[in-house]
Amino acid sequence: MSKLKRGILTALCAVLLIGFGCFAVYRSQQYAQHKAQVFGHSFGYSLNLYSNLYASYMPSIAAYCVTDDGILYAPDYTARQSGVRQIGELVPFQLSESNFDLCISGADWCAYGVDAAFIRCHTLSTWKCVSEDGGLYYLILQENGDVFLALGEETETTTIYEIRCLNNVGDDEVFLNSHSN
């Protein structure tokens, strides 16, 4: 191989490496921005996008909280007084047809024009949390800024039985302080 070809090949490799490095930095910054949109906030919900439950109670107060360090909290309906319980740590997760679309069955979509494939194709970031009792939570950030929470269970199989549209209602401290006993 001539020196000229070797030089061109070396320059091309250097450009590719720099390009991949810049892309990795860009994706890291983009992920941090997505994380900031959902971590450190309390959320209420006003719309069920999908549900196979017969009744769906829609509280007007904050229903979920994600702390700055990615811990998911939910209302504790088993307590005598209203309180919250820690569900667990949210970890980055990638939605796919097999772990999302095919896990939804036996019910109707409540919102026109939205289905599992639509949600998955328009997702910027997803985080997953599985509680000690097998409760499954996917926190999903959409391209348009919408935040969804998919609820289900993960045992031998994964089942999603509800997808809620969340509304940002404030920072996590407001939620946790107002619901702690």
Protein backbone atom coordinates (compact mmCIF):
# COMPACT_ATOMS: atom_id res chain seq x y z
CA MET A 1 0.00 0.00 0.00
CA SER A 2 1.41 3.37 -0.94
CA LYS A 3 2.11 6.12 1.58
CA LEU A 4 -0.65 8.24 0.05
CA LYS A 5 -3.29 5.51 0.45
CA ARG A 6 -2.09 4.77 3.99
CA GLY A 7 -2.27 8.51 4.83
CA ILE A 8 -5.79 8.81 3.41
CA LEU A 9 -6.90 5.69 5.30
CA THR A 10 -5.40 7.04 8.55
CA ALA A 11 -7.10 10.42 8.06
CA LEU A 12 -10.42 8.71 7.31
CA CYS A 13 -10.13 6.58 10.47
CA ALA A 14 -9.32 9.68 12.54
CA VAL A 15 -12.36 11.53 11.14
CA LEU A 16 -14.59 8.52 11.90
CA LEU A 17 -13.27 8.24 15.45
CA ILE A 18 -13.78 11.95 16.08
CA GLY A 19 -17.27 11.72 14.59
CA PHE A 20 -18.21 8.77 16.82
CA GLY A 21 -16.77 10.57 19.84
CA CYS A 22 -18.81 13.71 19.11
CA PHE A 23 -21.94 11.59 18.61
CA ALA A 24 -21.37 9.83 21.95
CA VAL A 25 -20.97 13.16 23.74
CA TYR A 26 -24.11 14.50 22.02
CA ARG A 27 -26.14 11.41 23.03
CA SER A 28 -24.85 11.68 26.62
CA GLN A 29 -25.89 15.33 26.80
CA GLN A 30 -29.25 14.51 25.23
CA TYR A 31 -29.85 11.72 27.77
CA ALA A 32 -28.97 14.06 30.66
CA GLN A 33 -31.47 16.58 29.31
CA HIS A 34 -34.18 13.90 29.07
CA LYS A 35 -33.41 12.75 32.60
CA ALA A 36 -33.77 16.33 33.87
CA GLN A 37 -37.27 16.50 32.37
CA VAL A 38 -38.56 13.67 34.57
CA PHE A 39 -36.18 13.28 37.54
CA GLY A 40 -36.78 15.61 40.48
CA HIS A 41 -40.48 16.09 39.74
CA SER A 42 -43.88 15.08 41.07
CA PHE A 43 -46.56 13.97 38.64
CA GLY A 44 -50.31 13.68 38.68
CA TYR A 45 -52.31 11.94 36.00
CA SER A 46 -55.42 12.92 34.15
CA LEU A 47 -55.79 10.47 31.30
CA ASN A 48 -55.55 6.74 30.89
CA LEU A 49 -54.23 5.96 27.44
CA TYR A 50 -54.76 2.24 27.93
CA SER A 51 -56.44 0.28 30.67
CA ASN A 52 -57.82 -3.18 31.23
CA LEU A 53 -59.14 -2.13 34.63
CA TYR A 54 -62.88 -1.64 35.00
CA ALA A 55 -62.57 1.51 37.08
CA SER A 56 -59.83 4.03 37.08
CA TYR A 57 -59.54 6.53 39.93
CA MET A 58 -57.95 9.78 38.81
CA PRO A 59 -56.56 11.68 41.80
CA SER A 60 -56.30 15.43 41.46
CA ILE A 61 -53.16 15.57 43.62
CA ALA A 62 -49.67 14.38 42.78
CA ALA A 63 -49.65 10.64 42.35
CA TYR A 64 -46.02 9.81 41.57
CA CYS A 65 -42.66 11.30 42.40
CA VAL A 66 -39.23 10.77 40.87
CA THR A 67 -36.42 12.08 43.02
CA ASP A 68 -33.30 13.72 41.58
CA ASP A 69 -31.43 10.42 41.98
CA GLY A 70 -34.09 8.39 40.13
CA ILE A 71 -36.08 6.81 42.96
CA LEU A 72 -39.77 6.29 42.11
CA TYR A 73 -42.40 6.91 44.80
CA ALA A 74 -46.12 6.19 44.57
CA PRO A 75 -49.13 6.70 46.85
CA ASP A 76 -49.46 4.11 49.58
CA TYR A 77 -53.11 3.12 49.53
CA THR A 78 -52.56 0.44 52.19
CA ALA A 79 -51.76 2.99 54.89
CA ARG A 80 -54.54 4.36 57.14
CA GLN A 81 -53.43 7.90 56.37
CA SER A 82 -52.31 9.01 52.97
CA GLY A 83 -48.63 8.46 52.50
CA VAL A 84 -46.09 7.42 49.94
CA ARG A 85 -44.05 4.32 49.44
CA GLN A 86 -40.77 3.88 47.69
CA ILE A 87 -41.11 1.67 44.63
CA GLY A 88 -37.45 1.48 43.63
CA GLU A 89 -34.74 2.89 41.41
CA LEU A 90 -35.50 3.74 37.80
CA VAL A 91 -32.86 2.44 35.39
CA PRO A 92 -32.48 3.30 31.69
CA PHE A 93 -34.39 0.89 29.51
CA GLN A 94 -35.11 0.46 25.80
CA LEU A 95 -38.69 -0.25 24.70
CA SER A 96 -39.13 -2.93 22.05
CA GLU A 97 -42.01 -4.73 20.46
CA SER A 98 -41.36 -7.80 22.64
CA ASN A 99 -41.10 -5.99 26.00
CA PHE A 100 -43.84 -3.42 25.37
CA ASP A 101 -46.24 -3.92 22.44
CA LEU A 102 -46.72 -7.67 22.91
CA CYS A 103 -47.15 -7.31 26.70
CA ILE A 104 -50.37 -5.32 26.24
CA SER A 105 -53.51 -7.34 25.65
CA GLY A 106 -57.10 -7.79 26.71
CA ALA A 107 -58.30 -4.20 26.79
CA ASP A 108 -58.98 -1.10 24.76
CA TRP A 109 -56.98 1.99 23.99
CA CYS A 110 -58.76 4.97 25.50
CA ALA A 111 -57.13 7.76 23.51
CA TYR A 112 -57.71 8.11 19.79
CA GLY A 113 -54.68 7.67 17.56
CA VAL A 114 -52.37 6.22 20.22
CA ASP A 115 -51.25 2.63 20.52
CA ALA A 116 -48.19 0.76 21.76
CA ALA A 117 -46.27 1.05 18.48
CA PHE A 118 -46.97 4.80 18.30
CA ILE A 119 -45.72 5.32 21.87
CA ARG A 120 -42.62 3.19 21.29
CA CYS A 121 -41.73 4.92 18.01
CA HIS A 122 -42.02 8.40 19.55
CA THR A 123 -40.07 7.67 22.72
CA LEU A 124 -36.95 9.65 23.60
CA SER A 125 -36.08 7.87 26.86
CA THR A 126 -37.50 5.12 29.04
CA TRP A 127 -36.70 4.03 32.58
CA LYS A 128 -37.78 0.80 34.22
CA CYS A 129 -38.44 -0.11 37.84
CA VAL A 130 -39.61 -3.43 39.27
CA SER A 131 -40.88 -3.37 42.84
CA GLU A 132 -40.18 -6.12 45.37
CA ASP A 133 -43.61 -7.64 44.73
CA GLY A 134 -43.10 -7.79 40.95
CA GLY A 135 -44.90 -4.55 40.10
CA LEU A 136 -43.58 -3.18 36.83
CA TYR A 137 -43.21 0.54 36.06
CA TYR A 138 -41.99 2.03 32.78
CA LEU A 139 -41.49 5.81 32.88
CA ILE A 140 -41.63 6.95 29.24
CA LEU A 141 -40.59 10.38 27.90
CA GLN A 142 -42.01 11.19 24.46
CA GLU A 143 -40.51 13.38 21.73
CA ASN A 144 -43.19 16.03 22.34
CA GLY A 145 -42.42 16.18 26.09
CA ASP A 146 -45.34 14.01 27.25
CA VAL A 147 -44.52 11.64 30.09
CA PHE A 148 -46.29 8.28 30.35
CA LEU A 149 -46.25 5.67 33.10
CA ALA A 150 -46.90 2.07 32.10
CA LEU A 151 -48.01 -0.15 34.99
CA GLY A 152 -47.92 -3.91 35.03
CA GLU A 153 -46.23 -6.88 36.57
CA GLU A 154 -43.10 -8.82 35.83
CA THR A 155 -43.19 -12.41 36.96
CA GLU A 156 -42.54 -15.31 34.57
CA THR A 157 -44.02 -13.07 31.89
CA THR A 158 -44.36 -9.32 31.52
CA THR A 159 -47.87 -7.87 31.50
CA ILE A 160 -48.80 -4.21 31.09
CA TYR A 161 -52.30 -3.44 32.27
CA GLU A 162 -52.39 0.36 32.26
CA ILE A 163 -50.65 3.33 30.63
CA ARG A 164 -51.22 6.75 32.17
CA CYS A 165 -50.43 10.21 30.83
CA LEU A 166 -48.64 12.13 33.61
CA ASN A 167 -48.70 15.85 34.28
CA ASN A 168 -45.76 17.57 35.96
CA VAL A 169 -47.11 19.17 39.14
CA GLY A 170 -43.94 20.35 40.86
CA ASP A 171 -40.66 19.34 42.36
CA ASP A 172 -40.16 16.15 44.35
CA GLU A 173 -39.71 17.89 47.71
CA VAL A 174 -43.23 19.37 47.58
CA PHE A 175 -44.73 15.95 46.99
CA LEU A 176 -42.67 14.05 49.53
CA ASN A 177 -43.02 16.65 52.30
CA SER A 178 -46.78 16.99 51.85
CA HIS A 179 -47.38 13.23 51.98
CA SER A 180 -44.91 12.04 54.62
CA ASN A 181 -46.12 11.14 58.08
